[in-house]
Amino acid sequence: MNSLLSRVACTSNARIGVIGVGNVGAAVCNNLLNKQYNLATVYDHYKSDINLGENVQVCSSVSDAVKNADIVITALPKPENIRDLVLNQQLFEQMEDSAVWVDHSTTDYFQTVQFAKDAKDRFNIETLECPITGGVTLLKQGLMTMYVGGNRSIFDACAPYLQCSSNNVIYMGEIGTATITKITSNMLA
């Protein structure tokens, strides 16, 4: 755990890869770049005309986007997109040992819990589920609310990255708690 924490501890040296550069993913990328973090690679199945500057490599595959990343951020629109990424495109098999997976995707509670368990047990990858709420306009301004579930030490190490896109990052507890909170919040809104 200590080597993992030292890899992702908030420094500009931790390499970040992002999968999914639509509305949410593009805003997250820009927020990271604005704070001078090392956004190294991006990949989007549906887009090839991504331009985030000369220091960000636009990759043609999941493998290329994650192979050297300390932190992999996903921002996909539906649970089936995450399922395809994890099962068919073999996300975890291609990630670095002891990397961190930060998932901003719209997803499913049971799927999130199962994939986080598999990532940890089979591949030594820690997961932070990080659903966001508040709309894309606020996200672009770094003013979203973000609920986070996962290991507290990993959350503490990654919090500065998360705060690039959210002025209200709330640690909820173990994996699954953030998804439940977001669903409840959406139902009450």
C-alpha atoms as a PDB file:
ATOM      1  CA  MET A   1       0.000   0.000   0.000  1.00  0.00           C
ATOM      2  CA  ASN A   2       2.857   2.422   0.752  1.00  0.00           C
ATOM      3  CA  SER A   3       4.290   2.188  -2.777  1.00  0.00           C
ATOM      4  CA  LEU A   4       0.823   2.815  -4.182  1.00  0.00           C
ATOM      5  CA  LEU A   5       0.322   5.850  -1.970  1.00  0.00           C
ATOM      6  CA  SER A   6       3.691   7.264  -2.944  1.00  0.00           C
ATOM      7  CA  ARG A   7       2.851   6.819  -6.657  1.00  0.00           C
ATOM      8  CA  VAL A   8      -0.444   8.674  -6.454  1.00  0.00           C
ATOM      9  CA  ALA A   9       0.345  11.157  -3.695  1.00  0.00           C
ATOM     10  CA  CYS A  10      -0.525  14.550  -5.023  1.00  0.00           C
ATOM     11  CA  THR A  11       2.461  15.525  -7.107  1.00  0.00           C
ATOM     12  CA  SER A  12       2.674  16.710 -10.661  1.00  0.00           C
ATOM     13  CA  ASN A  13       4.638  13.535 -11.452  1.00  0.00           C
ATOM     14  CA  ALA A  14       1.798  11.014 -11.107  1.00  0.00           C
ATOM     15  CA  ARG A  15       0.791  10.011 -14.640  1.00  0.00           C
ATOM     16  CA  ILE A  16      -2.942  10.285 -15.306  1.00  0.00           C
ATOM     17  CA  GLY A  17      -4.833   8.581 -18.120  1.00  0.00           C
ATOM     18  CA  VAL A  18      -8.460   9.400 -18.935  1.00  0.00           C
ATOM     19  CA  ILE A  19     -10.919   7.183 -20.775  1.00  0.00           C
ATOM     20  CA  GLY A  20     -14.007   8.958 -22.038  1.00  0.00           C
ATOM     21  CA  VAL A  21     -13.519  12.534 -23.196  1.00  0.00           C
ATOM     22  CA  GLY A  22     -17.123  13.625 -23.657  1.00  0.00           C
ATOM     23  CA  ASN A  23     -18.739  16.406 -21.636  1.00  0.00           C
ATOM     24  CA  VAL A  24     -17.600  15.138 -18.229  1.00  0.00           C
ATOM     25  CA  GLY A  25     -14.253  13.669 -19.281  1.00  0.00           C
ATOM     26  CA  ALA A  26     -13.211  16.746 -21.264  1.00  0.00           C
ATOM     27  CA  ALA A  27     -14.048  19.028 -18.335  1.00  0.00           C
ATOM     28  CA  VAL A  28     -12.092  16.790 -15.935  1.00  0.00           C
ATOM     29  CA  CYS A  29      -9.113  16.829 -18.333  1.00  0.00           C
ATOM     30  CA  ASN A  30      -9.157  20.605 -18.638  1.00  0.00           C
ATOM     31  CA  ASN A  31      -9.467  21.027 -14.874  1.00  0.00           C
ATOM     32  CA  LEU A  32      -6.436  18.761 -14.309  1.00  0.00           C
ATOM     33  CA  LEU A  33      -4.410  20.622 -16.923  1.00  0.00           C
ATOM     34  CA  ASN A  34      -5.367  23.998 -15.455  1.00  0.00           C
ATOM     35  CA  LYS A  35      -3.909  22.842 -12.120  1.00  0.00           C
ATOM     36  CA  GLN A  36      -0.702  21.639 -13.844  1.00  0.00           C
ATOM     37  CA  TYR A  37      -1.194  17.902 -13.204  1.00  0.00           C
ATOM     38  CA  ASN A  38       0.394  15.320 -15.499  1.00  0.00           C
ATOM     39  CA  LEU A  39      -2.493  14.368 -17.759  1.00  0.00           C
ATOM     40  CA  ALA A  40      -0.445  12.077 -19.958  1.00  0.00           C
ATOM     41  CA  THR A  41      -2.935  10.123 -22.067  1.00  0.00           C
ATOM     42  CA  VAL A  42      -6.572  10.160 -23.165  1.00  0.00           C
ATOM     43  CA  TYR A  43      -8.760   7.758 -25.106  1.00  0.00           C
ATOM     44  CA  ASP A  44     -12.319   7.973 -26.361  1.00  0.00           C
ATOM     45  CA  HIS A  45     -13.938   5.236 -28.437  1.00  0.00           C
ATOM     46  CA  TYR A  46     -16.166   7.762 -30.217  1.00  0.00           C
ATOM     47  CA  LYS A  47     -13.760  10.678 -30.693  1.00  0.00           C
ATOM     48  CA  SER A  48     -10.448  10.988 -32.453  1.00  0.00           C
ATOM     49  CA  ASP A  49     -10.305  14.772 -32.815  1.00  0.00           C
ATOM     50  CA  ILE A  50      -9.377  15.439 -29.198  1.00  0.00           C
ATOM     51  CA  ASN A  51      -7.010  18.354 -28.649  1.00  0.00           C
ATOM     52  CA  LEU A  52      -5.830  18.980 -25.107  1.00  0.00           C
ATOM     53  CA  GLY A  53      -2.406  20.337 -25.951  1.00  0.00           C
ATOM     54  CA  GLU A  54       0.885  18.956 -27.122  1.00  0.00           C
ATOM     55  CA  ASN A  55       1.767  17.253 -23.831  1.00  0.00           C
ATOM     56  CA  VAL A  56      -1.330  15.014 -23.827  1.00  0.00           C
ATOM     57  CA  GLN A  57      -1.128  11.912 -25.992  1.00  0.00           C
ATOM     58  CA  VAL A  58      -4.414  11.011 -27.697  1.00  0.00           C
ATOM     59  CA  CYS A  59      -4.378   7.215 -27.810  1.00  0.00           C
ATOM     60  CA  SER A  60      -6.015   4.840 -30.252  1.00  0.00           C
ATOM     61  CA  SER A  61      -6.652   2.103 -27.676  1.00  0.00           C
ATOM     62  CA  VAL A  62      -7.457   1.533 -24.023  1.00  0.00           C
ATOM     63  CA  SER A  63      -4.160  -0.276 -23.635  1.00  0.00           C
ATOM     64  CA  ASP A  64      -2.139   2.708 -24.822  1.00  0.00           C
ATOM     65  CA  ALA A  65      -4.084   5.070 -22.568  1.00  0.00           C
ATOM     66  CA  VAL A  66      -3.568   3.096 -19.350  1.00  0.00           C
ATOM     67  CA  LYS A  67      -0.333   1.141 -19.691  1.00  0.00           C
ATOM     68  CA  ASN A  68       1.876   3.622 -17.799  1.00  0.00           C
ATOM     69  CA  ALA A  69      -0.755   5.514 -15.823  1.00  0.00           C
ATOM     70  CA  ASP A  70      -0.624   5.723 -12.034  1.00  0.00           C
ATOM     71  CA  ILE A  71      -4.237   6.938 -12.012  1.00  0.00           C
ATOM     72  CA  VAL A  72      -6.832   5.953 -14.602  1.00  0.00           C
ATOM     73  CA  ILE A  73      -9.971   8.089 -14.697  1.00  0.00           C
ATOM     74  CA  THR A  74     -13.076   6.877 -16.492  1.00  0.00           C
ATOM     75  CA  ALA A  75     -15.973   9.131 -17.433  1.00  0.00           C
ATOM     76  CA  LEU A  76     -18.454   7.090 -19.439  1.00  0.00           C
ATOM     77  CA  PRO A  77     -22.182   7.721 -19.881  1.00  0.00           C
ATOM     78  CA  LYS A  78     -23.777   4.339 -19.091  1.00  0.00           C
ATOM     79  CA  PRO A  79     -23.222   1.199 -16.995  1.00  0.00           C
ATOM     80  CA  GLU A  80     -22.941  -0.879 -20.174  1.00  0.00           C
ATOM     81  CA  ASN A  81     -20.023   1.312 -21.306  1.00  0.00           C
ATOM     82  CA  ILE A  82     -18.124   0.500 -18.106  1.00  0.00           C
ATOM     83  CA  ARG A  83     -19.075  -3.175 -18.402  1.00  0.00           C
ATOM     84  CA  ASP A  84     -17.684  -3.251 -21.949  1.00  0.00           C
ATOM     85  CA  LEU A  85     -14.512  -1.444 -20.883  1.00  0.00           C
ATOM     86  CA  VAL A  86     -13.839  -3.781 -17.968  1.00  0.00           C
ATOM     87  CA  LEU A  87     -14.943  -7.092 -19.489  1.00  0.00           C
ATOM     88  CA  ASN A  88     -14.436  -6.821 -23.259  1.00  0.00           C
ATOM     89  CA  GLN A  89     -11.606  -4.292 -23.440  1.00  0.00           C
ATOM     90  CA  GLN A  90      -9.951  -5.754 -20.317  1.00  0.00           C
ATOM     91  CA  LEU A  91      -9.269  -2.503 -18.496  1.00  0.00           C
ATOM     92  CA  PHE A  92      -7.755  -4.055 -15.365  1.00  0.00           C
ATOM     93  CA  GLU A  93      -5.519  -6.486 -17.259  1.00  0.00           C
ATOM     94  CA  GLN A  94      -3.950  -3.532 -19.047  1.00  0.00           C
ATOM     95  CA  MET A  95      -3.518  -1.210 -16.061  1.00  0.00           C
ATOM     96  CA  GLU A  96      -0.340  -1.004 -14.039  1.00  0.00           C
ATOM     97  CA  ASP A  97      -0.119  -3.082 -10.886  1.00  0.00           C
ATOM     98  CA  SER A  98      -0.961  -0.861  -7.899  1.00  0.00           C
ATOM     99  CA  ALA A  99      -2.620   1.822 -10.004  1.00  0.00           C
ATOM    100  CA  VAL A 100      -5.784   3.618  -8.934  1.00  0.00           C
ATOM    101  CA  TRP A 101      -9.029   3.563 -10.914  1.00  0.00           C
ATOM    102  CA  VAL A 102     -11.161   6.700 -10.414  1.00  0.00           C
ATOM    103  CA  ASP A 103     -14.608   6.198 -11.916  1.00  0.00           C
ATOM    104  CA  HIS A 104     -16.777   9.253 -12.622  1.00  0.00           C
ATOM    105  CA  SER A 105     -19.096   7.240 -14.867  1.00  0.00           C
ATOM    106  CA  THR A 106     -22.812   6.895 -14.552  1.00  0.00           C
ATOM    107  CA  THR A 107     -22.942   3.347 -13.314  1.00  0.00           C
ATOM    108  CA  ASP A 108     -24.735   0.654 -11.368  1.00  0.00           C
ATOM    109  CA  TYR A 109     -24.261  -0.055  -7.654  1.00  0.00           C
ATOM    110  CA  PHE A 110     -23.806  -3.838  -7.931  1.00  0.00           C
ATOM    111  CA  GLN A 111     -21.530  -3.515 -10.943  1.00  0.00           C
ATOM    112  CA  THR A 112     -19.405  -0.905  -9.161  1.00  0.00           C
ATOM    113  CA  VAL A 113     -19.003  -3.073  -6.060  1.00  0.00           C
ATOM    114  CA  GLN A 114     -18.147  -6.187  -8.103  1.00  0.00           C
ATOM    115  CA  PHE A 115     -15.678  -4.455 -10.413  1.00  0.00           C
ATOM    116  CA  ALA A 116     -13.921  -2.744  -7.488  1.00  0.00           C
ATOM    117  CA  LYS A 117     -13.592  -6.109  -5.720  1.00  0.00           C
ATOM    118  CA  ASP A 118     -12.224  -7.777  -8.851  1.00  0.00           C
ATOM    119  CA  ALA A 119      -9.784  -4.910  -9.443  1.00  0.00           C
ATOM    120  CA  LYS A 120      -8.402  -5.226  -5.916  1.00  0.00           C
ATOM    121  CA  ASP A 121      -8.434  -9.019  -5.542  1.00  0.00           C
ATOM    122  CA  ARG A 122      -7.191  -9.982  -8.996  1.00  0.00           C
ATOM    123  CA  PHE A 123      -5.062  -7.025 -10.088  1.00  0.00           C
ATOM    124  CA  ASN A 124      -4.034  -5.077  -6.957  1.00  0.00           C
ATOM    125  CA  ILE A 125      -5.823  -1.995  -8.288  1.00  0.00           C
ATOM    126  CA  GLU A 126      -7.598   0.342  -5.866  1.00  0.00           C
ATOM    127  CA  THR A 127     -10.898   1.921  -6.897  1.00  0.00           C
ATOM    128  CA  LEU A 128     -12.503   5.218  -6.017  1.00  0.00           C
ATOM    129  CA  GLU A 129     -16.086   5.565  -7.185  1.00  0.00           C
ATOM    130  CA  CYS A 130     -16.641   9.269  -7.731  1.00  0.00           C
ATOM    131  CA  PRO A 131     -20.072  10.132  -9.095  1.00  0.00           C
ATOM    132  CA  ILE A 132     -20.577  13.829  -9.650  1.00  0.00           C
ATOM    133  CA  THR A 133     -23.666  15.975  -9.517  1.00  0.00           C
ATOM    134  CA  GLY A 134     -24.462  19.543 -10.426  1.00  0.00           C
ATOM    135  CA  GLY A 135     -24.239  19.711 -14.215  1.00  0.00           C
ATOM    136  CA  VAL A 136     -21.523  20.167 -16.815  1.00  0.00           C
ATOM    137  CA  THR A 137     -21.467  23.977 -16.512  1.00  0.00           C
ATOM    138  CA  LEU A 138     -20.496  23.740 -12.842  1.00  0.00           C
ATOM    139  CA  LEU A 139     -18.022  20.954 -13.629  1.00  0.00           C
ATOM    140  CA  LYS A 140     -16.200  23.164 -16.123  1.00  0.00           C
ATOM    141  CA  GLN A 141     -15.890  25.759 -13.361  1.00  0.00           C
ATOM    142  CA  GLY A 142     -14.661  23.180 -10.827  1.00  0.00           C
ATOM    143  CA  LEU A 143     -17.803  23.646  -8.749  1.00  0.00           C
ATOM    144  CA  MET A 144     -19.382  20.181  -8.803  1.00  0.00           C
ATOM    145  CA  THR A 145     -20.336  18.103  -5.823  1.00  0.00           C
ATOM    146  CA  MET A 146     -18.535  14.766  -5.861  1.00  0.00           C
ATOM    147  CA  TYR A 147     -19.343  11.792  -3.669  1.00  0.00           C
ATOM    148  CA  VAL A 148     -16.465   9.356  -3.153  1.00  0.00           C
ATOM    149  CA  GLY A 149     -16.448   5.752  -2.041  1.00  0.00           C
ATOM    150  CA  GLY A 150     -13.346   3.609  -1.512  1.00  0.00           C
ATOM    151  CA  ASN A 151     -10.320   3.158   0.696  1.00  0.00           C
ATOM    152  CA  ARG A 152      -9.825   6.238   2.894  1.00  0.00           C
ATOM    153  CA  SER A 153      -6.032   6.338   2.445  1.00  0.00           C
ATOM    154  CA  ILE A 154      -6.400   6.232  -1.329  1.00  0.00           C
ATOM    155  CA  PHE A 155      -9.044   8.956  -1.150  1.00  0.00           C
ATOM    156  CA  ASP A 156      -6.734  11.145   0.940  1.00  0.00           C
ATOM    157  CA  ALA A 157      -3.879  10.676  -1.552  1.00  0.00           C
ATOM    158  CA  CYS A 158      -6.106  11.429  -4.565  1.00  0.00           C
ATOM    159  CA  ALA A 159      -8.267  14.200  -3.059  1.00  0.00           C
ATOM    160  CA  PRO A 160      -6.267  17.062  -4.640  1.00  0.00           C
ATOM    161  CA  TYR A 161      -6.875  15.596  -8.122  1.00  0.00           C
ATOM    162  CA  LEU A 162     -10.578  15.265  -7.367  1.00  0.00           C
ATOM    163  CA  GLN A 163     -10.735  18.827  -6.051  1.00  0.00           C
ATOM    164  CA  CYS A 164      -9.705  20.111  -9.491  1.00  0.00           C
ATOM    165  CA  SER A 165     -13.242  19.371 -10.687  1.00  0.00           C
ATOM    166  CA  SER A 166     -15.184  19.778  -7.480  1.00  0.00           C
ATOM    167  CA  ASN A 167     -15.246  22.331  -4.732  1.00  0.00           C
ATOM    168  CA  ASN A 168     -17.294  19.911  -2.640  1.00  0.00           C
ATOM    169  CA  VAL A 169     -15.642  16.475  -2.460  1.00  0.00           C
ATOM    170  CA  ILE A 170     -17.398  14.333   0.129  1.00  0.00           C
ATOM    171  CA  TYR A 171     -15.937  11.035   1.324  1.00  0.00           C
ATOM    172  CA  MET A 172     -18.871   8.671   1.902  1.00  0.00           C
ATOM    173  CA  GLY A 173     -17.154   5.445   3.002  1.00  0.00           C
ATOM    174  CA  GLU A 174     -16.626   2.083   1.340  1.00  0.00           C
ATOM    175  CA  ILE A 175     -17.257   1.290  -2.319  1.00  0.00           C
ATOM    176  CA  GLY A 176     -20.947   1.570  -3.156  1.00  0.00           C
ATOM    177  CA  THR A 177     -21.802   4.320  -0.686  1.00  0.00           C
ATOM    178  CA  ALA A 178     -21.142   7.125  -3.165  1.00  0.00           C
ATOM    179  CA  THR A 179     -23.375   5.586  -5.818  1.00  0.00           C
ATOM    180  CA  ILE A 180     -26.192   5.155  -3.304  1.00  0.00           C
ATOM    181  CA  THR A 181     -25.785   8.766  -2.173  1.00  0.00           C
ATOM    182  CA  LYS A 182     -25.891  10.096  -5.738  1.00  0.00           C
ATOM    183  CA  ILE A 183     -28.985   8.051  -6.588  1.00  0.00           C
ATOM    184  CA  THR A 184     -30.697   9.283  -3.434  1.00  0.00           C
ATOM    185  CA  SER A 185     -29.680  12.873  -4.200  1.00  0.00           C
ATOM    186  CA  ASN A 186     -31.062  12.585  -7.741  1.00  0.00           C
ATOM    187  CA  MET A 187     -34.361  11.231  -6.432  1.00  0.00           C
ATOM    188  CA  LEU A 188     -34.721  14.138  -3.997  1.00  0.00           C
ATOM    189  CA  ALA A 189     -33.801  16.847  -6.527  1.00  0.00           C
END
